[in-house]
Structures are given as C-alpha cells and as structure tokens.
Amino acid sequence: MLKKYLWLLAFLMAIRAQATTDSSHVRISLLTCGSGEQPWETFGHTAIRITDTLAGTDNVYNYGTFNGYDENFLINFTRGKLLYYLSYYPFPHFVEEYAQSGRSIREQELQLSGNDKIALYNFLINNAKDENKYYKYDFFFDNCATRIRDAFERTLGSTFSYAEVLPASSISFRNIINQYFYRVHWQRFGVNLLLGSRIDQPMTNKDIMFLPDYLEKGVAGARLNGKSIVAHQQTILEGSKPLPAGINGPLVLTSAIALFTIISMAIPSWRKVRSVLRFSLLFFTGFLGCFMLVMWWGTDHQACGNNLNLLWALPTNVIAAFMHHKNKGRYAVVAIALLLLSLLLHLFKVQELPLLELSPLLLSLLLVYGSIYRRTSFHKK
C-alpha cells in the first residue's frame, strides 16, 4: 500500500515539474531593434520570436505592420485612422530586413514554464487571426511595444511584474521623445508644435514602456513568482553607429526671420520689406494654428489634443494678415497677452515649447504686434 502512495506522490511531483519546466518545445524571446535613419525608424521596434521545435517553425510576431499600398494610406495616417496589424513570418526574413537597413537586433530569451509559454503562444496565435489582428495605431498609447507589454501582463498573471525603469519621477512623454530626436531637428520641432499638453504629463513606469528600449529594460529585470524571466541576452545584429547631430535647421531659419524683422523695424527705408514680413508672419502663424486645430479636432491623434501652441499661433492671424492696420490695435494687444501666457505655461510645465528654435519666431511676432499697435495709436492721434 505504501508503495502505491509513493508511486502516486512521484507521479504528482512529475506532473508539477512538467508544468513548471519547458515541456512545450517552445522557445520565446523578445526582440528589440535599434533606431534607423527613416522617420518611422527613429524610436526602434519590438517583436516576439517564437521557435517551435516540434512544429519546425521559427517565426517573428510583429505588431508593427501596416498596408502602405492602401489608396487611402496618407489620408488615414494623417487622420490617425491607420490600421496596424499583427503579422508573423520567418525569423530569417526579419533579420534580413534589419540587416539591409543597418539596424541592430537584440534578443532576450524568456525563462518561462511550459504552461506560460503555451499561454503566450496561444494569445499571439489568436491575435493574429483576421478578425483580431487589426488595431488603430497610437504612437504613445497603442503601438508595437505597448501591445507586447500588455500581452505579458495578461498571459503571465498577477505574479508577474516589470522592473522599475523610469529614469525620473517627473519625466514626460515630450522629454523622452526629444532625446530620440537629437539629430533630426525638423522632425523634433514639427512634432513639438503639433503635440498638445497631454504629453507633458509625468509618465508612470508602465507608460515609458511605449518605447522599445524601455520595454527591453523592463523585461530585463522583470520577475515572475519572484524569479527573473530572462534566461540570457544576446546581440543578433550590431547595426550601424549612431549618426551625429547636424545643423539645427529650424533655429537657423527662425533666427534669420528674427534678424530680418529687427533690421526692417530699425531701417525706415525698409518699409516695404517690413510690410511683407508682417503679412508673412501673420499669415504663416495663422495657417499653422489652423493646421493645429485640424490635428486636434479633425483627427484621432490623442496626443494632438489640448494644444496650447494655439495661444501664440493664432488661427485668426490668417484673417488679421489681410486686415487694415487701423482695425488691428486691440487685436495686437490681445495677441501679445496670449503669447506671453504661452510662455508662462511653458515655465510652469503645463505645455513645454521647443523654446530654443521658437524664441526667435516669438520675438518676431512680438515686434510685429508692437508695430501694429504703434501704427494704430499714431493714426488715432
């Protein structure tokens, strides 16, 4: 009788051991890809590699795919309605793609039980079905990294936790993306103008893992049932060396605008140049403000909402550019007040401005508004 109980106990222990060790013939790893030269490659990429030795497959599950040949691609992209989807294809094809673009690939093999591997595998298989694979991409809140971040939490359960990777408690989305834009000044300047105050809120540890690099760090120190989930890490592709930062084009342009504005104000004979600059500044900032409004109200880009750049890029400037100077005195005073308010909100970090490149342009606007007010006051006298 005792022997039967011993055999039963041994059998149960074997089942438990089988559940906690890899008996599934599945190897799962997180792939983190480095930045590239193209705008959409700036922040890197994340995917999951699953090798099934029983089925003889080695596939990459990639949430970052979309149909760039769709006839409405540009319209849907601009409106924030572009559908991304989960695809899967052989690992060698993935490596070849990144080798051609000179981008790095780092791999973290996950140390999971057979049951956990099968749970994650099945989750991805189900997500890759035609009825489930599409999702509306959002750079900050729903992208290739956040999808995988959430998949780990959903399939591994409450005993799973990521490492703390937040570099500072008060760092915002804007702060962190500007670090990646160190060499592409026009992109950084344009993005900072179009993104609203929502991305100036401090991030949580989970929030920052919308970036592949930080998801990689979170997984590197992640724990499941008190144990590390990373078996080992390796670099599959080294990638090209990072390019140095070039000339700050936006700063050069706005500085030139400020210089011409100051000179035109100082030299009486430059009256025609002064008129052209005044009209151009008003019309351009008004057009920019209209575009910001469209991105806020006419698209699904969450990060473009509550854009306080509209305090200095007044959409009404498009109309003001054509108004006679006699009717613009009060308008100029209000415009100056709103511009100064935008600077105050920057100081209090309600919405940060790309102040390095923007300061010369704001100075030019102040000079234009001031000249408008002086001309109006002179004619009244």
Protein backbone atom coordinates (compact mmCIF):
# COMPACT_ATOMS: atom_id res chain seq x y z
CA MET A 1 0.00 0.00 0.00
CA LEU A 2 2.85 2.34 0.92
CA LYS A 3 4.46 1.69 -2.45
CA LYS A 4 1.24 2.75 -4.22
CA TYR A 5 1.20 6.05 -2.31
CA LEU A 6 4.87 6.61 -3.10
CA TRP A 7 4.26 5.94 -6.77
CA LEU A 8 1.25 8.33 -6.72
CA LEU A 9 3.31 11.01 -4.99
CA ALA A 10 6.11 10.59 -7.53
CA PHE A 11 3.58 10.80 -10.35
CA LEU A 12 2.07 14.04 -8.99
CA MET A 13 5.51 15.56 -8.50
CA ALA A 14 6.41 14.68 -12.07
CA ILE A 15 3.26 16.40 -13.35
CA ARG A 16 4.07 19.52 -11.31
CA ALA A 17 7.66 19.54 -12.57
CA GLN A 18 6.38 19.19 -16.10
CA ALA A 19 4.13 22.21 -15.61
CA THR A 20 6.95 24.39 -14.31
CA THR A 21 9.64 23.41 -16.81
CA ASP A 22 9.71 23.73 -20.57
CA SER A 23 7.95 20.66 -21.88
CA SER A 24 6.29 22.52 -24.74
CA HIS A 25 9.14 22.52 -27.29
CA VAL A 26 8.66 26.28 -27.49
CA ARG A 27 11.33 28.95 -27.13
CA ILE A 28 10.12 32.55 -26.71
CA SER A 29 12.24 35.68 -26.85
CA LEU A 30 11.77 39.43 -27.02
CA LEU A 31 13.42 41.19 -29.95
CA THR A 32 14.40 44.85 -29.62
CA CYS A 33 15.55 46.70 -32.72
CA GLY A 34 17.62 49.87 -32.81
CA SER A 35 16.85 53.20 -34.43
CA GLY A 36 17.18 53.78 -38.15
CA GLU A 37 17.59 56.73 -40.48
CA GLN A 38 13.98 56.90 -41.66
CA PRO A 39 11.48 58.97 -39.61
CA TRP A 40 9.39 55.91 -38.71
CA GLU A 41 12.54 54.10 -37.52
CA THR A 42 13.60 56.77 -35.01
CA PHE A 43 12.28 55.03 -31.89
CA GLY A 44 13.24 51.44 -32.68
CA HIS A 45 10.95 48.44 -32.77
CA THR A 46 9.80 45.47 -30.69
CA ALA A 47 8.65 41.99 -31.72
CA ILE A 48 8.38 38.47 -30.28
CA ARG A 49 10.25 35.46 -31.66
CA ILE A 50 8.73 32.02 -31.13
CA THR A 51 10.63 28.87 -32.06
CA ASP A 52 8.56 25.67 -32.01
CA THR A 53 10.91 22.72 -32.43
CA LEU A 54 8.03 20.25 -32.58
CA ALA A 55 6.35 22.08 -35.48
CA GLY A 56 9.70 23.05 -37.03
CA THR A 57 8.85 26.80 -37.11
CA ASP A 58 10.82 29.90 -36.15
CA ASN A 59 8.56 32.93 -36.56
CA VAL A 60 8.52 36.58 -35.52
CA TYR A 61 5.21 38.04 -34.31
CA ASN A 62 5.20 41.70 -35.31
CA TYR A 63 2.55 44.24 -34.23
CA GLY A 64 4.19 46.96 -36.35
CA THR A 65 2.93 46.05 -39.82
CA PHE A 66 0.56 48.08 -42.00
CA ASN A 67 -0.52 48.27 -45.62
CA GLY A 68 1.50 51.11 -47.13
CA TYR A 69 -0.03 50.46 -50.56
CA ASP A 70 -3.59 51.24 -49.49
CA GLU A 71 -5.03 54.00 -51.70
CA ASN A 72 -6.12 55.97 -48.60
CA PHE A 73 -2.85 55.42 -46.72
CA LEU A 74 -1.79 59.08 -46.43
CA ILE A 75 -5.29 60.28 -45.51
CA ASN A 76 -5.74 57.60 -42.85
CA PHE A 77 -2.25 58.22 -41.46
CA THR A 78 -2.85 61.97 -41.16
CA ARG A 79 -6.28 61.47 -39.57
CA GLY A 80 -4.97 58.92 -37.06
CA LYS A 81 -7.12 56.16 -38.52
CA LEU A 82 -4.35 53.99 -39.94
CA LEU A 83 -4.86 50.34 -39.03
CA TYR A 84 -1.80 48.38 -37.95
CA TYR A 85 -1.94 44.61 -37.55
CA LEU A 86 -0.16 41.64 -36.05
CA SER A 87 1.70 39.60 -38.64
CA TYR A 88 4.04 36.63 -38.34
CA TYR A 89 6.75 35.44 -40.70
CA PRO A 90 10.05 33.51 -40.59
CA PHE A 91 12.78 34.91 -38.35
CA PRO A 92 15.47 34.93 -41.13
CA HIS A 93 13.29 37.32 -43.16
CA PHE A 94 13.06 39.65 -40.15
CA VAL A 95 16.84 39.63 -39.68
CA GLU A 96 17.45 40.26 -43.38
CA GLU A 97 15.15 43.29 -43.31
CA TYR A 98 17.04 44.89 -40.43
CA ALA A 99 20.46 43.95 -41.79
CA GLN A 100 19.66 45.80 -45.03
CA SER A 101 18.74 48.97 -43.14
CA GLY A 102 21.79 48.72 -40.84
CA ARG A 103 19.73 48.44 -37.64
CA SER A 104 20.60 46.40 -34.58
CA ILE A 105 18.64 43.47 -33.14
CA ARG A 106 18.97 42.37 -29.50
CA GLU A 107 17.34 39.22 -28.17
CA GLN A 108 16.20 38.30 -24.65
CA GLU A 109 15.25 34.65 -24.25
CA LEU A 110 12.46 34.26 -21.71
CA GLN A 111 12.69 31.72 -18.90
CA LEU A 112 9.06 30.61 -18.59
CA SER A 113 7.24 27.43 -17.67
CA GLY A 114 5.74 25.32 -20.41
CA ASN A 115 2.24 26.44 -19.44
CA ASP A 116 3.21 30.12 -19.54
CA LYS A 117 4.87 29.72 -22.94
CA ILE A 118 1.83 27.98 -24.37
CA ALA A 119 -0.45 30.68 -22.90
CA LEU A 120 1.57 33.46 -24.56
CA TYR A 121 1.89 31.48 -27.80
CA ASN A 122 -1.86 30.86 -27.98
CA PHE A 123 -2.53 34.52 -27.19
CA LEU A 124 -0.45 35.61 -30.19
CA ILE A 125 -1.95 32.97 -32.48
CA ASN A 126 -5.43 34.20 -31.56
CA ASN A 127 -4.40 37.84 -32.02
CA ALA A 128 -3.02 37.05 -35.48
CA LYS A 129 -6.40 35.81 -36.75
CA ASP A 130 -8.00 38.04 -39.39
CA GLU A 131 -10.83 39.07 -37.09
CA ASN A 132 -8.45 40.06 -34.26
CA LYS A 133 -5.19 41.28 -35.80
CA TYR A 134 -6.11 44.88 -36.70
CA TYR A 135 -5.88 47.80 -34.29
CA LYS A 136 -5.86 51.59 -34.58
CA TYR A 137 -2.28 52.65 -34.03
CA ASP A 138 -1.45 55.35 -31.50
CA PHE A 139 2.22 56.21 -31.08
CA PHE A 140 2.12 56.84 -27.33
CA PHE A 141 -0.71 54.63 -26.12
CA ASP A 142 -1.20 51.71 -28.52
CA ASN A 143 1.82 50.63 -30.56
CA CYS A 144 4.09 47.62 -31.18
CA ALA A 145 5.70 47.91 -27.73
CA THR A 146 2.55 48.55 -25.66
CA ARG A 147 0.79 45.58 -27.30
CA ILE A 148 3.60 43.24 -26.22
CA ARG A 149 3.91 44.93 -22.81
CA ASP A 150 0.22 44.28 -22.15
CA ALA A 151 0.37 40.74 -23.58
CA PHE A 152 2.96 39.72 -20.97
CA GLU A 153 0.84 41.07 -18.13
CA ARG A 154 -2.32 39.45 -19.47
CA THR A 155 -0.90 35.96 -20.02
CA LEU A 156 1.59 35.70 -17.13
CA GLY A 157 -0.81 36.82 -14.39
CA SER A 158 -0.61 38.80 -11.17
CA THR A 159 2.73 37.34 -10.02
CA PHE A 160 4.47 38.96 -12.99
CA SER A 161 5.96 42.44 -12.61
CA TYR A 162 8.23 44.64 -14.70
CA ALA A 163 11.39 46.25 -13.35
CA GLU A 164 11.32 49.94 -12.44
CA VAL A 165 12.90 51.69 -15.43
CA LEU A 166 11.55 55.24 -15.14
CA PRO A 167 14.65 57.48 -15.13
CA ALA A 168 12.94 60.29 -13.18
CA SER A 169 9.59 60.68 -11.46
CA SER A 170 8.70 63.88 -13.33
CA ILE A 171 9.80 62.93 -16.85
CA SER A 172 7.16 63.43 -19.54
CA PHE A 173 6.45 61.84 -22.91
CA ARG A 174 7.76 65.01 -24.57
CA ASN A 175 11.03 64.91 -22.59
CA ILE A 176 11.76 61.33 -23.58
CA ILE A 177 10.94 61.55 -27.31
CA ASN A 178 13.08 64.68 -27.66
CA GLN A 179 16.07 62.56 -26.63
CA TYR A 180 15.47 60.34 -29.67
CA PHE A 181 15.14 63.38 -31.95
CA TYR A 182 18.64 64.62 -31.13
CA ARG A 183 19.79 64.62 -34.78
CA VAL A 184 16.55 65.25 -36.73
CA HIS A 185 15.84 68.84 -35.78
CA TRP A 186 13.00 69.49 -38.22
CA GLN A 187 11.11 66.42 -37.05
CA ARG A 188 11.60 67.35 -33.40
CA PHE A 189 10.48 70.93 -34.00
CA GLY A 190 7.41 69.92 -36.02
CA VAL A 191 6.33 67.19 -33.62
CA ASN A 192 6.65 69.53 -30.63
CA LEU A 193 4.44 72.09 -32.34
CA LEU A 194 1.70 69.59 -33.16
CA LEU A 195 1.59 67.66 -29.88
CA GLY A 196 -0.52 69.08 -27.09
CA SER A 197 -0.31 69.31 -23.32
CA ARG A 198 -1.33 65.69 -22.71
CA ILE A 199 2.20 64.50 -23.43
CA ASP A 200 3.62 66.92 -20.85
CA GLN A 201 2.11 64.89 -18.02
CA PRO A 202 4.60 62.84 -15.95
CA MET A 203 4.82 59.23 -17.10
CA THR A 204 4.40 56.13 -14.97
CA ASN A 205 6.77 53.18 -15.14
CA LYS A 206 4.28 51.41 -17.38
CA ASP A 207 3.83 54.43 -19.64
CA ILE A 208 7.51 54.71 -20.55
CA MET A 209 7.50 51.18 -21.93
CA PHE A 210 5.73 52.51 -25.03
CA LEU A 211 9.34 52.80 -26.21
CA PRO A 212 11.05 49.52 -27.23
CA ASP A 213 14.28 50.37 -25.38
CA TYR A 214 12.44 50.80 -22.09
CA LEU A 215 10.31 47.70 -22.60
CA GLU A 216 13.59 45.81 -23.05
CA LYS A 217 14.88 47.25 -19.75
CA GLY A 218 11.58 46.43 -18.03
CA VAL A 219 11.76 42.82 -19.20
CA ALA A 220 15.46 42.53 -18.28
CA GLY A 221 14.59 43.00 -14.60
CA ALA A 222 11.07 41.54 -14.67
CA ARG A 223 10.06 38.92 -12.11
CA LEU A 224 7.59 36.04 -12.26
CA ASN A 225 6.86 34.27 -8.99
CA GLY A 226 9.88 36.11 -7.58
CA LYS A 227 12.28 34.84 -10.27
CA SER A 228 13.86 36.57 -13.25
CA ILE A 229 12.19 35.75 -16.57
CA VAL A 230 15.24 36.40 -18.78
CA ALA A 231 17.39 33.33 -19.35
CA HIS A 232 20.06 35.12 -21.35
CA GLN A 233 20.55 38.02 -23.75
CA GLN A 234 22.46 38.31 -27.00
CA THR A 235 23.02 40.71 -29.86
CA ILE A 236 21.99 39.28 -33.21
CA LEU A 237 22.91 42.33 -35.30
CA GLU A 238 25.23 45.13 -34.24
CA GLY A 239 23.75 47.77 -36.51
CA SER A 240 25.34 50.97 -37.78
CA LYS A 241 26.89 53.55 -35.49
CA PRO A 242 24.57 56.43 -34.49
CA LEU A 243 24.85 59.47 -36.71
CA PRO A 244 25.97 62.79 -35.19
CA ALA A 245 23.56 65.69 -34.88
CA GLY A 246 23.63 68.02 -37.85
CA ILE A 247 22.93 71.73 -38.22
CA ASN A 248 19.81 72.89 -36.41
CA GLY A 249 17.81 73.98 -39.45
CA PRO A 250 14.76 75.35 -37.59
CA LEU A 251 16.98 77.50 -35.36
CA VAL A 252 18.82 78.91 -38.38
CA LEU A 253 15.52 79.74 -40.10
CA THR A 254 13.79 81.36 -37.11
CA SER A 255 16.96 83.30 -36.25
CA ALA A 256 17.11 84.64 -39.82
CA ILE A 257 13.44 85.67 -39.58
CA ALA A 258 14.11 87.47 -36.31
CA LEU A 259 17.18 89.21 -37.73
CA PHE A 260 15.31 90.48 -40.82
CA THR A 261 12.39 91.57 -38.65
CA ILE A 262 14.66 93.59 -36.35
CA ILE A 263 16.52 95.18 -39.28
CA SER A 264 13.28 96.06 -41.08
CA MET A 265 11.97 97.72 -37.93
CA ALA A 266 15.19 99.68 -37.44
CA ILE A 267 15.63 100.99 -41.00
CA PRO A 268 12.86 103.40 -42.12
CA SER A 269 13.57 102.84 -45.83
CA TRP A 270 12.75 99.14 -45.44
CA ARG A 271 9.03 99.89 -45.19
CA LYS A 272 8.07 97.52 -48.00
CA VAL A 273 10.21 94.73 -46.55
CA ARG A 274 8.62 95.39 -43.18
CA SER A 275 5.13 95.09 -44.68
CA VAL A 276 5.98 91.82 -46.42
CA LEU A 277 7.46 90.34 -43.22
CA ARG A 278 4.46 91.47 -41.18
CA PHE A 279 1.99 89.91 -43.60
CA SER A 280 4.05 86.71 -43.95
CA LEU A 281 4.43 86.17 -40.19
CA LEU A 282 0.76 86.73 -39.51
CA PHE A 283 -0.40 84.53 -42.37
CA PHE A 284 2.10 81.73 -41.67
CA THR A 285 1.39 81.54 -37.91
CA GLY A 286 -2.35 81.72 -38.63
CA PHE A 287 -2.10 78.88 -41.14
CA LEU A 288 -0.05 76.87 -38.64
CA GLY A 289 -2.70 77.48 -35.98
CA CYS A 290 -5.43 76.28 -38.36
CA PHE A 291 -3.45 73.11 -39.01
CA MET A 292 -3.07 72.56 -35.25
CA LEU A 293 -6.84 72.89 -34.86
CA VAL A 294 -7.41 70.31 -37.61
CA MET A 295 -4.99 67.90 -35.92
CA TRP A 296 -6.79 68.45 -32.60
CA TRP A 297 -10.42 68.28 -33.68
CA GLY A 298 -10.29 66.60 -37.07
CA THR A 299 -8.13 63.55 -36.30
CA ASP A 300 -7.98 60.67 -33.84
CA HIS A 301 -4.44 61.51 -32.68
CA GLN A 302 -4.90 61.67 -28.90
CA ALA A 303 -1.58 63.44 -28.37
CA CYS A 304 -2.60 66.37 -30.62
CA GLY A 305 -5.40 67.43 -28.28
CA ASN A 306 -5.26 70.40 -25.89
CA ASN A 307 -2.54 72.06 -27.94
CA LEU A 308 -1.67 75.31 -26.17
CA ASN A 309 0.63 76.38 -29.01
CA LEU A 310 -2.59 77.91 -30.31
CA LEU A 311 -2.05 80.74 -27.82
CA TRP A 312 0.74 82.15 -29.99
CA ALA A 313 -0.09 80.50 -33.36
CA LEU A 314 -3.49 82.19 -33.52
CA PRO A 315 -5.67 80.80 -36.34
CA THR A 316 -7.25 84.26 -36.60
CA ASN A 317 -3.89 85.59 -37.81
CA VAL A 318 -4.87 84.32 -41.26
CA ILE A 319 -7.62 86.96 -41.28
CA ALA A 320 -5.57 89.57 -39.42
CA ALA A 321 -2.91 89.42 -42.14
CA PHE A 322 -5.41 90.98 -44.58
CA MET A 323 -6.96 93.50 -42.17
CA HIS A 324 -6.18 97.21 -42.42
CA HIS A 325 -3.81 98.37 -39.68
CA LYS A 326 -6.46 100.77 -38.30
CA ASN A 327 -8.54 97.80 -37.12
CA LYS A 328 -5.73 95.77 -35.57
CA GLY A 329 -4.74 97.73 -32.43
CA ARG A 330 -6.80 95.83 -29.86
CA TYR A 331 -6.13 92.58 -31.69
CA ALA A 332 -2.38 93.14 -31.32
CA VAL A 333 -2.72 93.76 -27.56
CA VAL A 334 -4.71 90.54 -27.07
CA ALA A 335 -2.23 88.61 -29.25
CA ILE A 336 0.70 89.85 -27.15
CA ALA A 337 -1.08 88.83 -23.93
CA LEU A 338 -1.79 85.33 -25.26
CA LEU A 339 1.79 84.90 -26.46
CA LEU A 340 3.12 85.85 -23.03
CA LEU A 341 0.61 83.45 -21.45
CA SER A 342 2.01 80.59 -23.58
CA LEU A 343 5.49 81.38 -22.22
CA LEU A 344 4.14 81.39 -18.68
CA LEU A 345 2.52 77.97 -19.20
CA HIS A 346 5.86 76.73 -20.52
CA LEU A 347 7.60 77.87 -17.33
CA PHE A 348 5.03 76.02 -15.22
CA LYS A 349 5.42 72.93 -17.46
CA VAL A 350 1.74 72.87 -18.41
CA GLN A 351 2.89 72.57 -22.01
CA GLU A 352 6.55 72.88 -22.89
CA LEU A 353 7.56 74.75 -26.03
CA PRO A 354 10.55 73.98 -28.28
CA LEU A 355 11.86 77.26 -26.94
CA LEU A 356 15.35 77.10 -28.45
CA GLU A 357 14.04 77.23 -32.02
CA LEU A 358 10.81 79.05 -31.23
CA SER A 359 12.21 82.04 -29.28
CA PRO A 360 13.38 84.00 -32.38
CA LEU A 361 9.98 83.48 -34.02
CA LEU A 362 8.12 84.61 -30.90
CA LEU A 363 10.36 87.68 -30.70
CA SER A 364 9.49 88.47 -34.32
CA LEU A 365 5.78 88.16 -33.54
CA LEU A 366 6.10 90.48 -30.54
CA LEU A 367 7.83 93.06 -32.73
CA VAL A 368 5.13 92.74 -35.40
CA TYR A 369 2.29 93.08 -32.88
CA GLY A 370 4.09 96.04 -31.29
CA SER A 371 4.49 97.79 -34.63
CA ILE A 372 0.82 97.21 -35.42
CA TYR A 373 -0.21 98.75 -32.11
CA ARG A 374 2.08 101.75 -32.58
CA ARG A 375 0.76 102.41 -36.09
CA THR A 376 -2.84 102.19 -34.83
CA SER A 377 -2.11 104.58 -31.93
CA PHE A 378 -0.33 107.02 -34.29
CA HIS A 379 -3.27 107.19 -36.71
CA LYS A 380 -5.73 107.71 -33.85
CA LYS A 381 -3.73 110.73 -32.72
